[in-house]
């Protein structure tokens, strides 16, 4: 029987890689998340879209419980999920939601203004 390979350039494959690197078993991870075996399997094999941002954040908390991920690992996790979901990365959305001043600064940025002038 051949060993299944996972595409670590996809959200599911990358999630599986992070989970295994941290020594978190499949059953423990899915139990702590509160999801079914079938659902987590579908996520890790990219048979479905990545989970919603709230589940992504719960995943990140479990993955980081023992040791934090690097900024690059965290960014890749959220970016891969967002690309497949067609959304802003969950970490960015959470930051913007919590920091209204960041939205005001972004909208005042000349590059942002030029972008929206072209769009209208």
PDB file of N, CA and C in Angstrom:
ATOM      1  N   UNK A   1       0.852  -1.170   0.000  1.00  0.00           N
ATOM      2  CA  UNK A   1       0.000   0.000   0.000  1.00  0.00           C
ATOM      3  C   UNK A   1       0.900   1.236   0.000  1.00  0.00           C
ATOM      4  N   UNK A   2       0.595   2.190  -0.886  1.00  0.00           N
ATOM      5  CA  UNK A   2       1.423   3.387  -0.968  1.00  0.00           C
ATOM      6  C   UNK A   2       0.961   4.416   0.061  1.00  0.00           C
ATOM      7  N   UNK A   3       1.929   5.184   0.511  1.00  0.00           N
ATOM      8  CA  UNK A   3       1.647   6.223   1.492  1.00  0.00           C
ATOM      9  C   UNK A   3       1.017   7.418   0.789  1.00  0.00           C
ATOM     10  N   UNK A   4      -0.053   7.934   1.351  1.00  0.00           N
ATOM     11  CA  UNK A   4      -0.743   9.095   0.783  1.00  0.00           C
ATOM     12  C   UNK A   4       0.144  10.325   0.931  1.00  0.00           C
ATOM     13  N   UNK A   5       0.199  11.116  -0.124  1.00  0.00           N
ATOM     14  CA  UNK A   5       0.949  12.367  -0.056  1.00  0.00           C
ATOM     15  C   UNK A   5      -0.034  13.523   0.027  1.00  0.00           C
ATOM     16  N   UNK A   6       0.391  14.571   0.689  1.00  0.00           N
ATOM     17  CA  UNK A   6      -0.437  15.752   0.866  1.00  0.00           C
ATOM     18  C   UNK A   6       0.272  16.940   0.254  1.00  0.00           C
ATOM     19  N   UNK A   7      -0.477  17.784  -0.397  1.00  0.00           N
ATOM     20  CA  UNK A   7       0.060  18.977  -1.022  1.00  0.00           C
ATOM     21  C   UNK A   7       0.175  20.067   0.036  1.00  0.00           C
ATOM     22  N   UNK A   8       1.382  20.344   0.476  1.00  0.00           N
ATOM     23  CA  UNK A   8       1.565  21.362   1.516  1.00  0.00           C
ATOM     24  C   UNK A   8       1.445  22.781   0.967  1.00  0.00           C
ATOM     25  N   UNK A   9       1.169  22.905  -0.337  1.00  0.00           N
ATOM     26  CA  UNK A   9       0.878  24.211  -0.916  1.00  0.00           C
ATOM     27  C   UNK A   9      -0.613  24.519  -0.834  1.00  0.00           C
ATOM     28  N   UNK A  10      -1.364  23.582  -0.254  1.00  0.00           N
ATOM     29  CA  UNK A  10      -2.799  23.790  -0.065  1.00  0.00           C
ATOM     30  C   UNK A  10      -3.065  23.944   1.432  1.00  0.00           C
ATOM     31  N   UNK A  11      -4.214  24.511   1.768  1.00  0.00           N
ATOM     32  CA  UNK A  11      -4.542  24.692   3.178  1.00  0.00           C
ATOM     33  C   UNK A  11      -4.560  23.365   3.919  1.00  0.00           C
ATOM     34  N   UNK A  12      -5.275  22.391   3.388  1.00  0.00           N
ATOM     35  CA  UNK A  12      -5.414  21.108   4.074  1.00  0.00           C
ATOM     36  C   UNK A  12      -4.091  20.417   4.311  1.00  0.00           C
ATOM     37  N   UNK A  13      -3.257  20.373   3.288  1.00  0.00           N
ATOM     38  CA  UNK A  13      -1.954  19.748   3.431  1.00  0.00           C
ATOM     39  C   UNK A  13      -1.066  20.480   4.419  1.00  0.00           C
ATOM     40  N   UNK A  14      -1.138  21.803   4.386  1.00  0.00           N
ATOM     41  CA  UNK A  14      -0.326  22.601   5.310  1.00  0.00           C
ATOM     42  C   UNK A  14      -0.816  22.427   6.745  1.00  0.00           C
ATOM     43  N   UNK A  15      -2.125  22.407   6.934  1.00  0.00           N
ATOM     44  CA  UNK A  15      -2.678  22.159   8.268  1.00  0.00           C
ATOM     45  C   UNK A  15      -2.191  20.816   8.796  1.00  0.00           C
ATOM     46  N   UNK A  16      -2.270  19.800   7.977  1.00  0.00           N
ATOM     47  CA  UNK A  16      -1.833  18.462   8.398  1.00  0.00           C
ATOM     48  C   UNK A  16      -0.352  18.479   8.770  1.00  0.00           C
ATOM     49  N   UNK A  17       0.469  19.151   7.960  1.00  0.00           N
ATOM     50  CA  UNK A  17       1.899  19.245   8.242  1.00  0.00           C
ATOM     51  C   UNK A  17       2.146  19.925   9.597  1.00  0.00           C
ATOM     52  N   UNK A  18       1.470  21.043   9.841  1.00  0.00           N
ATOM     53  CA  UNK A  18       1.635  21.757  11.114  1.00  0.00           C
ATOM     54  C   UNK A  18       1.192  20.881  12.296  1.00  0.00           C
ATOM     55  N   UNK A  19       0.065  20.216  12.127  1.00  0.00           N
ATOM     56  CA  UNK A  19      -0.458  19.360  13.191  1.00  0.00           C
ATOM     57  C   UNK A  19       0.528  18.246  13.517  1.00  0.00           C
ATOM     58  N   UNK A  20       1.036  17.590  12.494  1.00  0.00           N
ATOM     59  CA  UNK A  20       1.975  16.476  12.704  1.00  0.00           C
ATOM     60  C   UNK A  20       3.311  16.964  13.272  1.00  0.00           C
ATOM     61  N   UNK A  21       3.807  18.111  12.794  1.00  0.00           N
ATOM     62  CA  UNK A  21       5.060  18.671  13.323  1.00  0.00           C
ATOM     63  C   UNK A  21       4.970  18.906  14.826  1.00  0.00           C
ATOM     64  N   UNK A  22       3.774  19.217  15.287  1.00  0.00           N
ATOM     65  CA  UNK A  22       3.570  19.506  16.709  1.00  0.00           C
ATOM     66  C   UNK A  22       3.188  18.269  17.496  1.00  0.00           C
ATOM     67  N   UNK A  23       3.140  17.131  16.834  1.00  0.00           N
ATOM     68  CA  UNK A  23       2.837  15.875  17.513  1.00  0.00           C
ATOM     69  C   UNK A  23       1.396  15.762  17.986  1.00  0.00           C
ATOM     70  N   UNK A  24       0.498  16.455  17.301  1.00  0.00           N
ATOM     71  CA  UNK A  24      -0.918  16.406  17.664  1.00  0.00           C
ATOM     72  C   UNK A  24      -1.599  15.388  16.766  1.00  0.00           C
ATOM     73  N   UNK A  25      -2.100  14.330  17.368  1.00  0.00           N
ATOM     74  CA  UNK A  25      -2.770  13.285  16.609  1.00  0.00           C
ATOM     75  C   UNK A  25      -4.082  13.761  16.005  1.00  0.00           C
ATOM     76  N   UNK A  26      -4.484  13.094  14.937  1.00  0.00           N
ATOM     77  CA  UNK A  26      -5.710  13.433  14.224  1.00  0.00           C
ATOM     78  C   UNK A  26      -6.913  13.426  15.171  1.00  0.00           C
ATOM     79  N   UNK A  27      -7.076  12.346  15.936  1.00  0.00           N
ATOM     80  CA  UNK A  27      -8.249  12.226  16.816  1.00  0.00           C
ATOM     81  C   UNK A  27      -8.248  13.277  17.921  1.00  0.00           C
ATOM     82  N   UNK A  28      -7.097  13.539  18.489  1.00  0.00           N
ATOM     83  CA  UNK A  28      -7.020  14.570  19.535  1.00  0.00           C
ATOM     84  C   UNK A  28      -7.374  15.947  18.961  1.00  0.00           C
ATOM     85  N   UNK A  29      -6.820  16.255  17.796  1.00  0.00           N
ATOM     86  CA  UNK A  29      -7.054  17.549  17.168  1.00  0.00           C
ATOM     87  C   UNK A  29      -8.536  17.744  16.858  1.00  0.00           C
ATOM     88  N   UNK A  30      -9.153  16.756  16.231  1.00  0.00           N
ATOM     89  CA  UNK A  30     -10.562  16.893  15.854  1.00  0.00           C
ATOM     90  C   UNK A  30     -11.453  16.937  17.083  1.00  0.00           C
ATOM     91  N   UNK A  31     -11.077  16.211  18.134  1.00  0.00           N
ATOM     92  CA  UNK A  31     -11.858  16.225  19.367  1.00  0.00           C
ATOM     93  C   UNK A  31     -11.789  17.599  20.035  1.00  0.00           C
ATOM     94  N   UNK A  32     -10.590  18.168  20.111  1.00  0.00           N
ATOM     95  CA  UNK A  32     -10.438  19.499  20.710  1.00  0.00           C
ATOM     96  C   UNK A  32     -11.148  20.570  19.890  1.00  0.00           C
ATOM     97  N   UNK A  33     -11.188  20.376  18.574  1.00  0.00           N
ATOM     98  CA  UNK A  33     -11.897  21.325  17.716  1.00  0.00           C
ATOM     99  C   UNK A  33     -13.411  21.151  17.811  1.00  0.00           C
ATOM    100  N   UNK A  34     -13.821  19.931  18.135  1.00  0.00           N
ATOM    101  CA  UNK A  34     -15.256  19.648  18.188  1.00  0.00           C
ATOM    102  C   UNK A  34     -15.852  19.391  16.825  1.00  0.00           C
ATOM    103  N   UNK A  35     -15.060  18.758  15.939  1.00  0.00           N
ATOM    104  CA  UNK A  35     -15.542  18.424  14.598  1.00  0.00           C
ATOM    105  C   UNK A  35     -15.472  16.920  14.396  1.00  0.00           C
ATOM    106  N   UNK A  36     -16.165  16.448  13.392  1.00  0.00           N
ATOM    107  CA  UNK A  36     -16.189  15.010  13.103  1.00  0.00           C
ATOM    108  C   UNK A  36     -14.910  14.571  12.398  1.00  0.00           C
ATOM    109  N   UNK A  37     -14.650  13.266  12.455  1.00  0.00           N
ATOM    110  CA  UNK A  37     -13.505  12.699  11.740  1.00  0.00           C
ATOM    111  C   UNK A  37     -13.627  12.962  10.249  1.00  0.00           C
ATOM    112  N   UNK A  38     -14.839  12.759   9.739  1.00  0.00           N
ATOM    113  CA  UNK A  38     -15.063  12.949   8.299  1.00  0.00           C
ATOM    114  C   UNK A  38     -14.766  14.390   7.885  1.00  0.00           C
ATOM    115  N   UNK A  39     -15.209  15.347   8.693  1.00  0.00           N
ATOM    116  CA  UNK A  39     -14.986  16.750   8.347  1.00  0.00           C
ATOM    117  C   UNK A  39     -13.494  17.092   8.359  1.00  0.00           C
ATOM    118  N   UNK A  40     -12.784  16.721   9.423  1.00  0.00           N
ATOM    119  CA  UNK A  40     -11.357  17.048   9.483  1.00  0.00           C
ATOM    120  C   UNK A  40     -10.605  16.351   8.359  1.00  0.00           C
ATOM    121  N   UNK A  41     -10.979  15.130   8.042  1.00  0.00           N
ATOM    122  CA  UNK A  41     -10.348  14.435   6.924  1.00  0.00           C
ATOM    123  C   UNK A  41     -10.585  15.200   5.620  1.00  0.00           C
ATOM    124  N   UNK A  42     -11.820  15.655   5.407  1.00  0.00           N
ATOM    125  CA  UNK A  42     -12.118  16.431   4.200  1.00  0.00           C
ATOM    126  C   UNK A  42     -11.309  17.723   4.154  1.00  0.00           C
ATOM    127  N   UNK A  43     -11.131  18.378   5.290  1.00  0.00           N
ATOM    128  CA  UNK A  43     -10.331  19.609   5.334  1.00  0.00           C
ATOM    129  C   UNK A  43      -8.880  19.290   4.991  1.00  0.00           C
ATOM    130  N   UNK A  44      -8.313  18.282   5.629  1.00  0.00           N
ATOM    131  CA  UNK A  44      -6.891  17.969   5.423  1.00  0.00           C
ATOM    132  C   UNK A  44      -6.592  17.436   4.031  1.00  0.00           C
ATOM    133  N   UNK A  45      -7.580  16.856   3.368  1.00  0.00           N
ATOM    134  CA  UNK A  45      -7.362  16.342   2.005  1.00  0.00           C
ATOM    135  C   UNK A  45      -7.877  17.311   0.949  1.00  0.00           C
ATOM    136  N   UNK A  46      -8.291  18.494   1.379  1.00  0.00           N
ATOM    137  CA  UNK A  46      -8.792  19.536   0.483  1.00  0.00           C
ATOM    138  C   UNK A  46     -10.028  19.101  -0.298  1.00  0.00           C
ATOM    139  N   UNK A  47     -10.813  18.205   0.309  1.00  0.00           N
ATOM    140  CA  UNK A  47     -12.058  17.766  -0.313  1.00  0.00           C
ATOM    141  C   UNK A  47     -13.182  18.773  -0.084  1.00  0.00           C
ATOM    142  N   UNK A  48     -12.929  19.742   0.773  1.00  0.00           N
ATOM    143  CA  UNK A  48     -13.899  20.813   1.022  1.00  0.00           C
ATOM    144  C   UNK A  48     -13.122  22.109   1.227  1.00  0.00           C
ATOM    145  N   UNK A  49     -13.859  23.199   1.271  1.00  0.00           N
ATOM    146  CA  UNK A  49     -13.222  24.496   1.532  1.00  0.00           C
ATOM    147  C   UNK A  49     -12.637  24.514   2.938  1.00  0.00           C
ATOM    148  N   UNK A  50     -11.645  25.358   3.161  1.00  0.00           N
ATOM    149  CA  UNK A  50     -11.147  25.516   4.533  1.00  0.00           C
ATOM    150  C   UNK A  50     -12.281  25.962   5.454  1.00  0.00           C
ATOM    151  N   UNK A  51     -12.113  25.727   6.734  1.00  0.00           N
ATOM    152  CA  UNK A  51     -13.176  26.091   7.673  1.00  0.00           C
ATOM    153  C   UNK A  51     -13.355  27.603   7.778  1.00  0.00           C
ATOM    154  N   UNK A  52     -14.424  27.979   8.436  1.00  0.00           N
ATOM    155  CA  UNK A  52     -14.726  29.390   8.657  1.00  0.00           C
ATOM    156  C   UNK A  52     -13.629  30.031   9.511  1.00  0.00           C
ATOM    157  N   UNK A  53     -13.530  31.353   9.468  1.00  0.00           N
ATOM    158  CA  UNK A  53     -12.498  32.034  10.261  1.00  0.00           C
ATOM    159  C   UNK A  53     -12.516  31.685  11.748  1.00  0.00           C
ATOM    160  N   UNK A  54     -13.687  31.529  12.351  1.00  0.00           N
ATOM    161  CA  UNK A  54     -13.721  31.194  13.780  1.00  0.00           C
ATOM    162  C   UNK A  54     -13.104  29.828  14.042  1.00  0.00           C
ATOM    163  N   UNK A  55     -13.312  28.869  13.149  1.00  0.00           N
ATOM    164  CA  UNK A  55     -12.696  27.545  13.309  1.00  0.00           C
ATOM    165  C   UNK A  55     -11.197  27.632  13.036  1.00  0.00           C
ATOM    166  N   UNK A  56     -10.795  28.442  12.072  1.00  0.00           N
ATOM    167  CA  UNK A  56      -9.367  28.635  11.809  1.00  0.00           C
ATOM    168  C   UNK A  56      -8.659  29.150  13.062  1.00  0.00           C
ATOM    169  N   UNK A  57      -9.285  30.092  13.738  1.00  0.00           N
ATOM    170  CA  UNK A  57      -8.687  30.663  14.945  1.00  0.00           C
ATOM    171  C   UNK A  57      -8.605  29.608  16.047  1.00  0.00           C
ATOM    172  N   UNK A  58      -9.627  28.771  16.180  1.00  0.00           N
ATOM    173  CA  UNK A  58      -9.572  27.678  17.164  1.00  0.00           C
ATOM    174  C   UNK A  58      -8.451  26.697  16.806  1.00  0.00           C
ATOM    175  N   UNK A  59      -8.303  26.407  15.516  1.00  0.00           N
ATOM    176  CA  UNK A  59      -7.212  25.523  15.069  1.00  0.00           C
ATOM    177  C   UNK A  59      -5.868  26.113  15.472  1.00  0.00           C
ATOM    178  N   UNK A  60      -5.713  27.406  15.229  1.00  0.00           N
ATOM    179  CA  UNK A  60      -4.447  28.069  15.542  1.00  0.00           C
ATOM    180  C   UNK A  60      -4.158  28.011  17.039  1.00  0.00           C
ATOM    181  N   UNK A  61      -5.163  28.190  17.867  1.00  0.00           N
ATOM    182  CA  UNK A  61      -4.959  28.120  19.322  1.00  0.00           C
ATOM    183  C   UNK A  61      -4.470  26.733  19.741  1.00  0.00           C
ATOM    184  N   UNK A  62      -5.038  25.702  19.149  1.00  0.00           N
ATOM    185  CA  UNK A  62      -4.604  24.334  19.469  1.00  0.00           C
ATOM    186  C   UNK A  62      -3.178  24.113  18.975  1.00  0.00           C
ATOM    187  N   UNK A  63      -2.902  24.524  17.744  1.00  0.00           N
ATOM    188  CA  UNK A  63      -1.568  24.334  17.176  1.00  0.00           C
ATOM    189  C   UNK A  63      -0.492  25.075  17.971  1.00  0.00           C
ATOM    190  N   UNK A  64      -0.853  26.204  18.547  1.00  0.00           N
ATOM    191  CA  UNK A  64       0.124  27.040  19.257  1.00  0.00           C
ATOM    192  C   UNK A  64       0.155  26.805  20.760  1.00  0.00           C
ATOM    193  N   UNK A  65      -0.610  25.878  21.246  1.00  0.00           N
ATOM    194  CA  UNK A  65      -0.704  25.670  22.692  1.00  0.00           C
ATOM    195  C   UNK A  65       0.666  25.369  23.317  1.00  0.00           C
ATOM    196  N   UNK A  66       1.430  24.507  22.701  1.00  0.00           N
ATOM    197  CA  UNK A  66       2.738  24.126  23.250  1.00  0.00           C
ATOM    198  C   UNK A  66       3.847  25.100  22.834  1.00  0.00           C
ATOM    199  N   UNK A  67       3.791  25.511  21.565  1.00  0.00           N
ATOM    200  CA  UNK A  67       4.843  26.375  21.016  1.00  0.00           C
ATOM    201  C   UNK A  67       4.246  27.207  19.886  1.00  0.00           C
ATOM    202  N   UNK A  68       4.475  28.508  19.938  1.00  0.00           N
ATOM    203  CA  UNK A  68       3.914  29.405  18.923  1.00  0.00           C
ATOM    204  C   UNK A  68       4.486  29.102  17.548  1.00  0.00           C
ATOM    205  N   UNK A  69       3.668  29.325  16.541  1.00  0.00           N
ATOM    206  CA  UNK A  69       4.143  29.245  15.170  1.00  0.00           C
ATOM    207  C   UNK A  69       4.908  30.533  14.858  1.00  0.00           C
ATOM    208  N   UNK A  70       5.768  30.482  13.873  1.00  0.00           N
ATOM    209  CA  UNK A  70       6.441  31.705  13.448  1.00  0.00           C
ATOM    210  C   UNK A  70       5.435  32.611  12.751  1.00  0.00           C
ATOM    211  N   UNK A  71       5.793  33.858  12.593  1.00  0.00           N
ATOM    212  CA  UNK A  71       4.920  34.790  11.891  1.00  0.00           C
ATOM    213  C   UNK A  71       4.677  34.308  10.455  1.00  0.00           C
ATOM    214  N   UNK A  72       5.708  33.759   9.830  1.00  0.00           N
ATOM    215  CA  UNK A  72       5.576  33.263   8.459  1.00  0.00           C
ATOM    216  C   UNK A  72       4.620  32.077   8.395  1.00  0.00           C
ATOM    217  N   UNK A  73       4.722  31.156   9.350  1.00  0.00           N
ATOM    218  CA  UNK A  73       3.823  30.004   9.384  1.00  0.00           C
ATOM    219  C   UNK A  73       2.375  30.446   9.600  1.00  0.00           C
ATOM    220  N   UNK A  74       2.191  31.377  10.507  1.00  0.00           N
ATOM    221  CA  UNK A  74       0.848  31.881  10.794  1.00  0.00           C
ATOM    222  C   UNK A  74       0.261  32.569   9.567  1.00  0.00           C
ATOM    223  N   UNK A  75       1.048  33.417   8.929  1.00  0.00           N
ATOM    224  CA  UNK A  75       0.577  34.118   7.736  1.00  0.00           C
ATOM    225  C   UNK A  75       0.222  33.129   6.634  1.00  0.00           C
ATOM    226  N   UNK A  76       1.039  32.114   6.453  1.00  0.00           N
ATOM    227  CA  UNK A  76       0.768  31.115   5.399  1.00  0.00           C
ATOM    228  C   UNK A  76      -0.520  30.354   5.694  1.00  0.00           C
ATOM    229  N   UNK A  77      -0.716  29.968   6.949  1.00  0.00           N
ATOM    230  CA  UNK A  77      -1.929  29.251   7.359  1.00  0.00           C
ATOM    231  C   UNK A  77      -3.171  30.049   6.979  1.00  0.00           C
ATOM    232  N   UNK A  78      -3.216  31.311   7.434  1.00  0.00           N
ATOM    233  CA  UNK A  78      -4.392  32.141   7.184  1.00  0.00           C
ATOM    234  C   UNK A  78      -4.530  32.523   5.707  1.00  0.00           C
ATOM    235  N   UNK A  79      -3.424  32.758   5.013  1.00  0.00           N
ATOM    236  CA  UNK A  79      -3.473  33.135   3.603  1.00  0.00           C
ATOM    237  C   UNK A  79      -3.976  31.993   2.742  1.00  0.00           C
ATOM    238  N   UNK A  80      -3.494  30.775   2.991  1.00  0.00           N
ATOM    239  CA  UNK A  80      -3.968  29.626   2.214  1.00  0.00           C
ATOM    240  C   UNK A  80      -5.466  29.421   2.394  1.00  0.00           C
ATOM    241  N   UNK A  81      -5.948  29.573   3.617  1.00  0.00           N
ATOM    242  CA  UNK A  81      -7.384  29.425   3.876  1.00  0.00           C
ATOM    243  C   UNK A  81      -8.170  30.515   3.152  1.00  0.00           C
ATOM    244  N   UNK A  82      -7.699  31.741   3.257  1.00  0.00           N
ATOM    245  CA  UNK A  82      -8.407  32.873   2.656  1.00  0.00           C
ATOM    246  C   UNK A  82      -8.468  32.769   1.137  1.00  0.00           C
ATOM    247  N   UNK A  83      -7.383  32.350   0.530  1.00  0.00           N
ATOM    248  CA  UNK A  83      -7.351  32.223  -0.933  1.00  0.00           C
ATOM    249  C   UNK A  83      -8.417  31.258  -1.415  1.00  0.00           C
ATOM    250  N   UNK A  84      -8.537  30.131  -0.748  1.00  0.00           N
ATOM    251  CA  UNK A  84      -9.525  29.112  -1.162  1.00  0.00           C
ATOM    252  C   UNK A  84     -10.947  29.549  -0.825  1.00  0.00           C
ATOM    253  N   UNK A  85     -11.118  30.315   0.237  1.00  0.00           N
ATOM    254  CA  UNK A  85     -12.453  30.770   0.636  1.00  0.00           C
ATOM    255  C   UNK A  85     -12.877  32.044  -0.086  1.00  0.00           C
ATOM    256  N   UNK A  86     -11.913  32.755  -0.711  1.00  0.00           N
ATOM    257  CA  UNK A  86     -12.228  34.008  -1.376  1.00  0.00           C
ATOM    258  C   UNK A  86     -12.524  35.120  -0.384  1.00  0.00           C
ATOM    259  N   UNK A  87     -11.789  35.126   0.726  1.00  0.00           N
ATOM    260  CA  UNK A  87     -12.005  36.094   1.796  1.00  0.00           C
ATOM    261  C   UNK A  87     -10.683  36.729   2.208  1.00  0.00           C
ATOM    262  N   UNK A  88     -10.776  37.767   3.038  1.00  0.00           N
ATOM    263  CA  UNK A  88      -9.576  38.287   3.690  1.00  0.00           C
ATOM    264  C   UNK A  88      -9.084  37.245   4.685  1.00  0.00           C
ATOM    265  N   UNK A  89      -7.786  37.154   4.915  1.00  0.00           N
ATOM    266  CA  UNK A  89      -7.292  36.239   5.941  1.00  0.00           C
ATOM    267  C   UNK A  89      -7.923  36.543   7.297  1.00  0.00           C
ATOM    268  N   UNK A  90      -8.235  35.501   8.040  1.00  0.00           N
ATOM    269  CA  UNK A  90      -8.929  35.643   9.321  1.00  0.00           C
ATOM    270  C   UNK A  90      -8.158  36.514  10.303  1.00  0.00           C
ATOM    271  N   UNK A  91      -6.821  36.412  10.297  1.00  0.00           N
ATOM    272  CA  UNK A  91      -6.045  37.219  11.238  1.00  0.00           C
ATOM    273  C   UNK A  91      -6.131  38.707  10.885  1.00  0.00           C
ATOM    274  N   UNK A  92      -6.147  39.022   9.597  1.00  0.00           N
ATOM    275  CA  UNK A  92      -6.244  40.410   9.148  1.00  0.00           C
ATOM    276  C   UNK A  92      -7.631  40.961   9.489  1.00  0.00           C
ATOM    277  N   UNK A  93      -8.663  40.179   9.194  1.00  0.00           N
ATOM    278  CA  UNK A  93     -10.031  40.614   9.484  1.00  0.00           C
ATOM    279  C   UNK A  93     -10.217  40.848  10.984  1.00  0.00           C
ATOM    280  N   UNK A  94      -9.668  39.949  11.780  1.00  0.00           N
ATOM    281  CA  UNK A  94      -9.794  40.088  13.233  1.00  0.00           C
ATOM    282  C   UNK A  94      -9.081  41.352  13.717  1.00  0.00           C
ATOM    283  N   UNK A  95      -7.894  41.614  13.171  1.00  0.00           N
ATOM    284  CA  UNK A  95      -7.150  42.817  13.548  1.00  0.00           C
ATOM    285  C   UNK A  95      -7.920  44.076  13.156  1.00  0.00           C
ATOM    286  N   UNK A  96      -8.398  44.121  11.924  1.00  0.00           N
ATOM    287  CA  UNK A  96      -9.118  45.303  11.462  1.00  0.00           C
ATOM    288  C   UNK A  96     -10.394  45.532  12.268  1.00  0.00           C
ATOM    289  N   UNK A  97     -11.056  44.461  12.626  1.00  0.00           N
ATOM    290  CA  UNK A  97     -12.275  44.569  13.423  1.00  0.00           C
ATOM    291  C   UNK A  97     -11.975  45.144  14.804  1.00  0.00           C
ATOM    292  N   UNK A  98     -10.841  44.773  15.357  1.00  0.00           N
ATOM    293  CA  UNK A  98     -10.470  45.219  16.702  1.00  0.00           C
ATOM    294  C   UNK A  98      -9.803  46.594  16.720  1.00  0.00           C
ATOM    295  N   UNK A  99      -9.343  47.063  15.563  1.00  0.00           N
ATOM    296  CA  UNK A  99      -8.597  48.324  15.504  1.00  0.00           C
ATOM    297  C   UNK A  99      -9.174  49.236  14.430  1.00  0.00           C
ATOM    298  N   UNK A 100     -10.216  49.937  14.780  1.00  0.00           N
ATOM    299  CA  UNK A 100     -10.863  50.837  13.825  1.00  0.00           C
ATOM    300  C   UNK A 100      -9.880  51.876  13.284  1.00  0.00           C
ATOM    301  N   UNK A 101      -8.924  52.283  14.102  1.00  0.00           N
ATOM    302  CA  UNK A 101      -7.938  53.264  13.657  1.00  0.00           C
ATOM    303  C   UNK A 101      -7.110  52.741  12.485  1.00  0.00           C
ATOM    304  N   UNK A 102      -6.913  51.435  12.396  1.00  0.00           N
ATOM    305  CA  UNK A 102      -6.171  50.855  11.277  1.00  0.00           C
ATOM    306  C   UNK A 102      -6.954  51.019   9.979  1.00  0.00           C
ATOM    307  N   UNK A 103      -8.257  50.905  10.056  1.00  0.00           N
ATOM    308  CA  UNK A 103      -9.100  51.090   8.874  1.00  0.00           C
ATOM    309  C   UNK A 103      -9.046  52.552   8.438  1.00  0.00           C
ATOM    310  N   UNK A 104      -9.114  53.469   9.381  1.00  0.00           N
ATOM    311  CA  UNK A 104      -9.044  54.898   9.068  1.00  0.00           C
ATOM    312  C   UNK A 104      -7.703  55.218   8.411  1.00  0.00           C
ATOM    313  N   UNK A 105      -6.605  54.694   8.968  1.00  0.00           N
ATOM    314  CA  UNK A 105      -5.270  54.932   8.392  1.00  0.00           C
ATOM    315  C   UNK A 105      -5.169  54.340   6.989  1.00  0.00           C
ATOM    316  N   UNK A 106      -5.721  53.141   6.788  1.00  0.00           N
ATOM    317  CA  UNK A 106      -5.674  52.502   5.479  1.00  0.00           C
ATOM    318  C   UNK A 106      -6.405  53.360   4.453  1.00  0.00           C
ATOM    319  N   UNK A 107      -7.571  53.842   4.817  1.00  0.00           N
ATOM    320  CA  UNK A 107      -8.364  54.645   3.879  1.00  0.00           C
ATOM    321  C   UNK A 107      -7.718  55.997   3.578  1.00  0.00           C
ATOM    322  N   UNK A 108      -6.852  56.484   4.450  1.00  0.00           N
ATOM    323  CA  UNK A 108      -6.149  57.747   4.229  1.00  0.00           C
ATOM    324  C   UNK A 108      -4.862  57.556   3.437  1.00  0.00           C
ATOM    325  N   UNK A 109      -4.435  56.330   3.268  1.00  0.00           N
ATOM    326  CA  UNK A 109      -3.192  56.031   2.563  1.00  0.00           C
ATOM    327  C   UNK A 109      -3.333  56.409   1.079  1.00  0.00           C
ATOM    328  N   UNK A 110      -2.361  57.144   0.522  1.00  0.00           N
ATOM    329  CA  UNK A 110      -2.445  57.562  -0.887  1.00  0.00           C
ATOM    330  C   UNK A 110      -2.619  56.391  -1.864  1.00  0.00           C
ATOM    331  N   UNK A 111      -1.987  55.288  -1.588  1.00  0.00           N
ATOM    332  CA  UNK A 111      -2.130  54.127  -2.481  1.00  0.00           C
ATOM    333  C   UNK A 111      -3.567  53.613  -2.480  1.00  0.00           C
ATOM    334  N   UNK A 112      -4.184  53.572  -1.316  1.00  0.00           N
ATOM    335  CA  UNK A 112      -5.583  53.158  -1.201  1.00  0.00           C
ATOM    336  C   UNK A 112      -6.487  54.139  -1.960  1.00  0.00           C
ATOM    337  N   UNK A 113      -6.242  55.414  -1.781  1.00  0.00           N
ATOM    338  CA  UNK A 113      -7.044  56.431  -2.460  1.00  0.00           C
ATOM    339  C   UNK A 113      -6.918  56.285  -3.974  1.00  0.00           C
ATOM    340  N   UNK A 114      -5.697  56.093  -4.483  1.00  0.00           N
ATOM    341  CA  UNK A 114      -5.494  55.906  -5.933  1.00  0.00           C
ATOM    342  C   UNK A 114      -6.231  54.666  -6.418  1.00  0.00           C
ATOM    343  N   UNK A 115      -6.174  53.602  -5.642  1.00  0.00           N
ATOM    344  CA  UNK A 115      -6.854  52.361  -6.023  1.00  0.00           C
ATOM    345  C   UNK A 115      -8.345  52.599  -6.182  1.00  0.00           C
ATOM    346  N   UNK A 116      -8.955  53.255  -5.216  1.00  0.00           N
ATOM    347  CA  UNK A 116     -10.411  53.462  -5.292  1.00  0.00           C
ATOM    348  C   UNK A 116     -10.793  54.496  -6.340  1.00  0.00           C
ATOM    349  N   UNK A 117      -9.937  55.419  -6.637  1.00  0.00           N
ATOM    350  CA  UNK A 117     -10.231  56.370  -7.713  1.00  0.00           C
ATOM    351  C   UNK A 117     -10.285  55.642  -9.045  1.00  0.00           C
ATOM    352  N   UNK A 118      -9.422  54.659  -9.237  1.00  0.00           N
ATOM    353  CA  UNK A 118      -9.426  53.847 -10.458  1.00  0.00           C
ATOM    354  C   UNK A 118     -10.668  52.964 -10.526  1.00  0.00           C
ATOM    355  N   UNK A 119     -11.135  52.489  -9.395  1.00  0.00           N
ATOM    356  CA  UNK A 119     -12.273  51.570  -9.339  1.00  0.00           C
ATOM    357  C   UNK A 119     -13.600  52.258  -9.600  1.00  0.00           C
ATOM    358  N   UNK A 120     -13.675  53.548  -9.393  1.00  0.00           N
ATOM    359  CA  UNK A 120     -14.971  54.243  -9.534  1.00  0.00           C
ATOM    360  C   UNK A 120     -15.186  54.777 -10.917  1.00  0.00           C
TER     361      UNK A 120
END
